[in-house]
Amino acid sequence: MGRRRDDARVLRETARGALGGAVGTGAMALAAHLRRRRFTRRHGITPEDAGVVLDYDDSEHVVIAAATLTRHVVGWSPRSSQERTALFWLVHWGYGSAVGAAHVVLQRVLRREPAAGLAFFTASQVMALGLFPVLGETPPPWHWERRLVVTSFVQHAIYAGVVAAANAATASPTLTARLGRRRG
């Protein structure tokens, strides 16, 4: 019976983390949308005519990275613009949601906030700075334009902060009590 209870708890915690990841992904997507809208309005152009990457996490580079993996792993890559769009959204929401579960693990391991949130932000940012040059055909981060580096840090701070807040809000009373005791 104890094993079943542990399995159920792990499944619940993983789902809680994925939900937090989805909420964080939504916040990050909203911030990217608002940034893109402000940029295009300021320049008097449509988003389609922008012709500039405002954020690698909200660009064709996500599709390039994902297509590189799917091509090597399952022998498939998107051929049409609809497939590329579907792959972008699948990766954006799937990856962002799944990674949110890592914050729950960090909460358990570090047993306190803001340490878990800061570690989660750092890991998210390191992944972004590493995955795009390796898989997404971007230059290494030290060659990124300053605005792209700043945007990446701001976007991942939004993501990590919202994930941490969502996971804290949905934590069990036992975990919340433990986290609270460790802060004081």
C-alpha atoms as a PDB file:
ATOM      1  CA  MET A   1       0.000   0.000   0.000  1.00  0.00           C
ATOM      2  CA  GLY A   2       2.900   2.391   0.788  1.00  0.00           C
ATOM      3  CA  ARG A   3       4.352   1.972  -2.704  1.00  0.00           C
ATOM      4  CA  ARG A   4       1.028   2.884  -4.315  1.00  0.00           C
ATOM      5  CA  ARG A   5       0.741   5.970  -2.140  1.00  0.00           C
ATOM      6  CA  ASP A   6       4.282   7.032  -3.076  1.00  0.00           C
ATOM      7  CA  ASP A   7       3.557   6.460  -6.778  1.00  0.00           C
ATOM      8  CA  ALA A   8       0.360   8.509  -6.497  1.00  0.00           C
ATOM      9  CA  ARG A   9       2.224  11.308  -4.701  1.00  0.00           C
ATOM     10  CA  VAL A  10       4.953  11.380  -7.368  1.00  0.00           C
ATOM     11  CA  LEU A  11       2.322  11.474 -10.117  1.00  0.00           C
ATOM     12  CA  ARG A  12       0.434  14.280  -8.321  1.00  0.00           C
ATOM     13  CA  GLU A  13       3.624  16.296  -7.813  1.00  0.00           C
ATOM     14  CA  THR A  14       4.678  15.799 -11.443  1.00  0.00           C
ATOM     15  CA  ALA A  15       1.244  16.946 -12.639  1.00  0.00           C
ATOM     16  CA  ARG A  16       1.421  19.937 -10.280  1.00  0.00           C
ATOM     17  CA  GLY A  17       4.822  20.874 -11.705  1.00  0.00           C
ATOM     18  CA  ALA A  18       3.616  20.453 -15.288  1.00  0.00           C
ATOM     19  CA  LEU A  19       0.606  22.660 -14.525  1.00  0.00           C
ATOM     20  CA  GLY A  20       2.957  25.274 -13.043  1.00  0.00           C
ATOM     21  CA  GLY A  21       5.098  24.950 -16.182  1.00  0.00           C
ATOM     22  CA  ALA A  22       2.037  25.524 -18.374  1.00  0.00           C
ATOM     23  CA  VAL A  23       1.091  28.633 -16.393  1.00  0.00           C
ATOM     24  CA  GLY A  24       4.683  29.902 -16.675  1.00  0.00           C
ATOM     25  CA  THR A  25       4.713  29.146 -20.408  1.00  0.00           C
ATOM     26  CA  GLY A  26       1.492  31.106 -20.812  1.00  0.00           C
ATOM     27  CA  ALA A  27       2.997  34.082 -18.991  1.00  0.00           C
ATOM     28  CA  MET A  28       6.121  33.888 -21.142  1.00  0.00           C
ATOM     29  CA  ALA A  29       4.034  33.638 -24.336  1.00  0.00           C
ATOM     30  CA  LEU A  30       1.937  36.634 -23.275  1.00  0.00           C
ATOM     31  CA  ALA A  31       5.060  38.687 -22.539  1.00  0.00           C
ATOM     32  CA  ALA A  32       6.511  37.748 -25.955  1.00  0.00           C
ATOM     33  CA  HIS A  33       3.235  38.681 -27.663  1.00  0.00           C
ATOM     34  CA  LEU A  34       3.142  42.069 -25.913  1.00  0.00           C
ATOM     35  CA  ARG A  35       6.793  42.727 -26.779  1.00  0.00           C
ATOM     36  CA  ARG A  36       6.207  41.819 -30.432  1.00  0.00           C
ATOM     37  CA  ARG A  37       3.084  44.023 -30.541  1.00  0.00           C
ATOM     38  CA  ARG A  38       4.900  46.984 -28.984  1.00  0.00           C
ATOM     39  CA  PHE A  39       7.842  46.561 -31.376  1.00  0.00           C
ATOM     40  CA  THR A  40       5.662  46.379 -34.502  1.00  0.00           C
ATOM     41  CA  ARG A  41       3.470  49.294 -33.395  1.00  0.00           C
ATOM     42  CA  ARG A  42       6.533  51.430 -32.671  1.00  0.00           C
ATOM     43  CA  HIS A  43       7.949  50.647 -36.134  1.00  0.00           C
ATOM     44  CA  GLY A  44       4.603  50.886 -37.956  1.00  0.00           C
ATOM     45  CA  ILE A  45       4.774  47.342 -39.364  1.00  0.00           C
ATOM     46  CA  THR A  46       2.870  44.097 -39.049  1.00  0.00           C
ATOM     47  CA  PRO A  47       4.371  41.157 -37.111  1.00  0.00           C
ATOM     48  CA  GLU A  48       4.811  39.307 -40.425  1.00  0.00           C
ATOM     49  CA  ASP A  49       6.837  42.219 -41.800  1.00  0.00           C
ATOM     50  CA  ALA A  50       9.050  42.616 -38.725  1.00  0.00           C
ATOM     51  CA  GLY A  51      11.829  40.492 -40.242  1.00  0.00           C
ATOM     52  CA  VAL A  52      13.800  40.533 -36.994  1.00  0.00           C
ATOM     53  CA  VAL A  53      14.106  38.034 -34.173  1.00  0.00           C
ATOM     54  CA  LEU A  54      12.926  39.632 -30.942  1.00  0.00           C
ATOM     55  CA  ASP A  55      13.372  36.511 -28.830  1.00  0.00           C
ATOM     56  CA  TYR A  56      14.930  33.175 -29.800  1.00  0.00           C
ATOM     57  CA  ASP A  57      12.332  31.376 -27.635  1.00  0.00           C
ATOM     58  CA  ASP A  58       9.593  32.903 -29.790  1.00  0.00           C
ATOM     59  CA  SER A  59      11.156  32.364 -33.207  1.00  0.00           C
ATOM     60  CA  GLU A  60      11.848  29.943 -36.011  1.00  0.00           C
ATOM     61  CA  HIS A  61      14.900  28.787 -34.030  1.00  0.00           C
ATOM     62  CA  VAL A  62      12.591  26.723 -31.792  1.00  0.00           C
ATOM     63  CA  VAL A  63      11.401  24.830 -34.866  1.00  0.00           C
ATOM     64  CA  ILE A  64      14.957  24.413 -36.162  1.00  0.00           C
ATOM     65  CA  ALA A  65      16.072  22.929 -32.820  1.00  0.00           C
ATOM     66  CA  ALA A  66      13.029  20.640 -32.551  1.00  0.00           C
ATOM     67  CA  ALA A  67      13.272  19.547 -36.203  1.00  0.00           C
ATOM     68  CA  THR A  68      16.947  18.712 -35.689  1.00  0.00           C
ATOM     69  CA  LEU A  69      15.980  16.381 -32.848  1.00  0.00           C
ATOM     70  CA  THR A  70      12.960  14.823 -34.551  1.00  0.00           C
ATOM     71  CA  ARG A  71      14.963  14.229 -37.731  1.00  0.00           C
ATOM     72  CA  HIS A  72      17.694  12.384 -35.808  1.00  0.00           C
ATOM     73  CA  VAL A  73      15.412  10.524 -33.401  1.00  0.00           C
ATOM     74  CA  VAL A  74      12.398   9.549 -35.505  1.00  0.00           C
ATOM     75  CA  GLY A  75      13.446  10.509 -39.026  1.00  0.00           C
ATOM     76  CA  TRP A  76      10.798  13.225 -39.414  1.00  0.00           C
ATOM     77  CA  SER A  77      10.950  16.959 -39.849  1.00  0.00           C
ATOM     78  CA  PRO A  78       8.197  19.427 -40.760  1.00  0.00           C
ATOM     79  CA  ARG A  79       7.691  20.099 -44.443  1.00  0.00           C
ATOM     80  CA  SER A  80       4.856  22.623 -44.550  1.00  0.00           C
ATOM     81  CA  SER A  81       4.301  25.902 -42.761  1.00  0.00           C
ATOM     82  CA  GLN A  82       1.371  24.288 -40.899  1.00  0.00           C
ATOM     83  CA  GLU A  83       3.639  21.481 -39.660  1.00  0.00           C
ATOM     84  CA  ARG A  84       6.274  24.032 -38.615  1.00  0.00           C
ATOM     85  CA  THR A  85       3.669  26.054 -36.716  1.00  0.00           C
ATOM     86  CA  ALA A  86       2.266  22.931 -35.051  1.00  0.00           C
ATOM     87  CA  LEU A  87       5.769  21.815 -34.064  1.00  0.00           C
ATOM     88  CA  PHE A  88       6.542  25.255 -32.628  1.00  0.00           C
ATOM     89  CA  TRP A  89       3.436  25.242 -30.405  1.00  0.00           C
ATOM     90  CA  LEU A  90       3.861  21.602 -29.416  1.00  0.00           C
ATOM     91  CA  VAL A  91       7.458  22.243 -28.346  1.00  0.00           C
ATOM     92  CA  HIS A  92       6.719  25.623 -26.766  1.00  0.00           C
ATOM     93  CA  TRP A  93       3.883  24.320 -24.580  1.00  0.00           C
ATOM     94  CA  GLY A  94       5.116  20.748 -24.145  1.00  0.00           C
ATOM     95  CA  TYR A  95       8.679  21.647 -23.212  1.00  0.00           C
ATOM     96  CA  GLY A  96       7.651  24.586 -21.028  1.00  0.00           C
ATOM     97  CA  SER A  97       5.085  22.486 -19.173  1.00  0.00           C
ATOM     98  CA  ALA A  98       7.343  19.465 -18.709  1.00  0.00           C
ATOM     99  CA  VAL A  99      10.288  21.545 -17.495  1.00  0.00           C
ATOM    100  CA  GLY A 100       7.992  23.055 -14.853  1.00  0.00           C
ATOM    101  CA  ALA A 101       8.054  19.692 -13.074  1.00  0.00           C
ATOM    102  CA  ALA A 102      11.754  20.273 -12.348  1.00  0.00           C
ATOM    103  CA  HIS A 103      10.817  23.156 -10.051  1.00  0.00           C
ATOM    104  CA  VAL A 104       8.811  20.773  -7.863  1.00  0.00           C
ATOM    105  CA  VAL A 105      11.916  18.584  -7.571  1.00  0.00           C
ATOM    106  CA  LEU A 106      13.999  21.627  -6.643  1.00  0.00           C
ATOM    107  CA  GLN A 107      11.420  22.584  -4.000  1.00  0.00           C
ATOM    108  CA  ARG A 108      11.793  19.140  -2.457  1.00  0.00           C
ATOM    109  CA  VAL A 109      15.591  19.077  -2.665  1.00  0.00           C
ATOM    110  CA  LEU A 110      16.313  22.661  -1.584  1.00  0.00           C
ATOM    111  CA  ARG A 111      13.320  22.769   0.793  1.00  0.00           C
ATOM    112  CA  ARG A 112      12.898  26.520   0.518  1.00  0.00           C
ATOM    113  CA  GLU A 113      12.108  29.467  -1.689  1.00  0.00           C
ATOM    114  CA  PRO A 114      13.503  31.583  -3.211  1.00  0.00           C
ATOM    115  CA  ALA A 115      16.420  29.126  -3.586  1.00  0.00           C
ATOM    116  CA  ALA A 116      14.354  26.647  -5.624  1.00  0.00           C
ATOM    117  CA  GLY A 117      13.029  29.427  -7.883  1.00  0.00           C
ATOM    118  CA  LEU A 118      16.477  30.917  -8.420  1.00  0.00           C
ATOM    119  CA  ALA A 119      17.974  27.510  -9.212  1.00  0.00           C
ATOM    120  CA  PHE A 120      15.085  26.874 -11.605  1.00  0.00           C
ATOM    121  CA  PHE A 121      15.606  30.244 -13.330  1.00  0.00           C
ATOM    122  CA  THR A 122      19.339  29.552 -13.666  1.00  0.00           C
ATOM    123  CA  ALA A 123      18.759  26.097 -15.145  1.00  0.00           C
ATOM    124  CA  SER A 124      16.111  27.443 -17.569  1.00  0.00           C
ATOM    125  CA  GLN A 125      18.411  30.231 -18.718  1.00  0.00           C
ATOM    126  CA  VAL A 126      21.404  27.909 -19.124  1.00  0.00           C
ATOM    127  CA  MET A 127      19.262  25.555 -21.231  1.00  0.00           C
ATOM    128  CA  ALA A 128      18.158  28.428 -23.473  1.00  0.00           C
ATOM    129  CA  LEU A 129      21.707  29.722 -23.872  1.00  0.00           C
ATOM    130  CA  GLY A 130      22.963  26.226 -24.680  1.00  0.00           C
ATOM    131  CA  LEU A 131      20.212  24.596 -26.734  1.00  0.00           C
ATOM    132  CA  PHE A 132      19.761  27.311 -29.329  1.00  0.00           C
ATOM    133  CA  PRO A 133      23.416  27.399 -30.433  1.00  0.00           C
ATOM    134  CA  VAL A 134      23.705  23.590 -30.357  1.00  0.00           C
ATOM    135  CA  LEU A 135      20.400  22.724 -32.067  1.00  0.00           C
ATOM    136  CA  GLY A 136      18.739  25.938 -33.211  1.00  0.00           C
ATOM    137  CA  GLU A 137      21.418  27.407 -35.483  1.00  0.00           C
ATOM    138  CA  THR A 138      21.908  30.573 -33.455  1.00  0.00           C
ATOM    139  CA  PRO A 139      25.315  32.030 -32.730  1.00  0.00           C
ATOM    140  CA  PRO A 140      26.767  31.330 -29.281  1.00  0.00           C
ATOM    141  CA  PRO A 141      25.275  33.623 -26.613  1.00  0.00           C
ATOM    142  CA  TRP A 142      28.372  35.810 -26.386  1.00  0.00           C
ATOM    143  CA  HIS A 143      27.670  36.811 -30.023  1.00  0.00           C
ATOM    144  CA  TRP A 144      23.964  37.551 -29.470  1.00  0.00           C
ATOM    145  CA  GLU A 145      22.831  41.131 -29.773  1.00  0.00           C
ATOM    146  CA  ARG A 146      22.485  42.707 -26.341  1.00  0.00           C
ATOM    147  CA  ARG A 147      18.703  43.090 -26.743  1.00  0.00           C
ATOM    148  CA  LEU A 148      18.355  39.326 -27.348  1.00  0.00           C
ATOM    149  CA  VAL A 149      20.365  38.505 -24.217  1.00  0.00           C
ATOM    150  CA  VAL A 150      18.285  40.924 -22.137  1.00  0.00           C
ATOM    151  CA  THR A 151      15.040  39.580 -23.605  1.00  0.00           C
ATOM    152  CA  SER A 152      16.113  36.002 -22.880  1.00  0.00           C
ATOM    153  CA  PHE A 153      16.895  36.811 -19.254  1.00  0.00           C
ATOM    154  CA  VAL A 154      13.653  38.754 -18.776  1.00  0.00           C
ATOM    155  CA  GLN A 155      11.536  36.067 -20.449  1.00  0.00           C
ATOM    156  CA  HIS A 156      13.079  33.275 -18.373  1.00  0.00           C
ATOM    157  CA  ALA A 157      12.730  35.333 -15.186  1.00  0.00           C
ATOM    158  CA  ILE A 158       9.018  35.726 -15.973  1.00  0.00           C
ATOM    159  CA  TYR A 159       8.722  31.997 -16.706  1.00  0.00           C
ATOM    160  CA  ALA A 160      10.609  30.881 -13.588  1.00  0.00           C
ATOM    161  CA  GLY A 161       8.862  33.362 -11.310  1.00  0.00           C
ATOM    162  CA  VAL A 162       5.399  32.346 -12.480  1.00  0.00           C
ATOM    163  CA  VAL A 163       6.263  28.630 -12.301  1.00  0.00           C
ATOM    164  CA  ALA A 164       7.553  29.081  -8.745  1.00  0.00           C
ATOM    165  CA  ALA A 165       4.450  31.064  -7.736  1.00  0.00           C
ATOM    166  CA  ALA A 166       2.068  28.551  -9.327  1.00  0.00           C
ATOM    167  CA  ASN A 167       3.868  25.611  -7.729  1.00  0.00           C
ATOM    168  CA  ALA A 168       3.921  27.325  -4.344  1.00  0.00           C
ATOM    169  CA  ALA A 169       0.208  28.090  -4.625  1.00  0.00           C
ATOM    170  CA  THR A 170      -0.630  24.460  -5.400  1.00  0.00           C
ATOM    171  CA  ALA A 171       1.755  22.848  -2.908  1.00  0.00           C
ATOM    172  CA  SER A 172       0.358  20.546  -0.260  1.00  0.00           C
ATOM    173  CA  PRO A 173      -0.106  22.065   3.205  1.00  0.00           C
ATOM    174  CA  THR A 174       2.691  19.785   4.502  1.00  0.00           C
ATOM    175  CA  LEU A 175       5.190  21.051   1.914  1.00  0.00           C
ATOM    176  CA  THR A 176       4.053  24.649   2.406  1.00  0.00           C
ATOM    177  CA  ALA A 177       4.637  24.316   6.154  1.00  0.00           C
ATOM    178  CA  ARG A 178       8.099  22.834   5.586  1.00  0.00           C
ATOM    179  CA  LEU A 179       9.019  25.561   3.105  1.00  0.00           C
ATOM    180  CA  GLY A 180       7.755  28.233   5.517  1.00  0.00           C
ATOM    181  CA  ARG A 181       9.744  26.820   8.457  1.00  0.00           C
ATOM    182  CA  ARG A 182      12.945  26.792   6.408  1.00  0.00           C
ATOM    183  CA  ARG A 183      12.597  30.475   5.451  1.00  0.00           C
ATOM    184  CA  GLY A 184      12.359  31.766   8.987  1.00  0.00           C
END
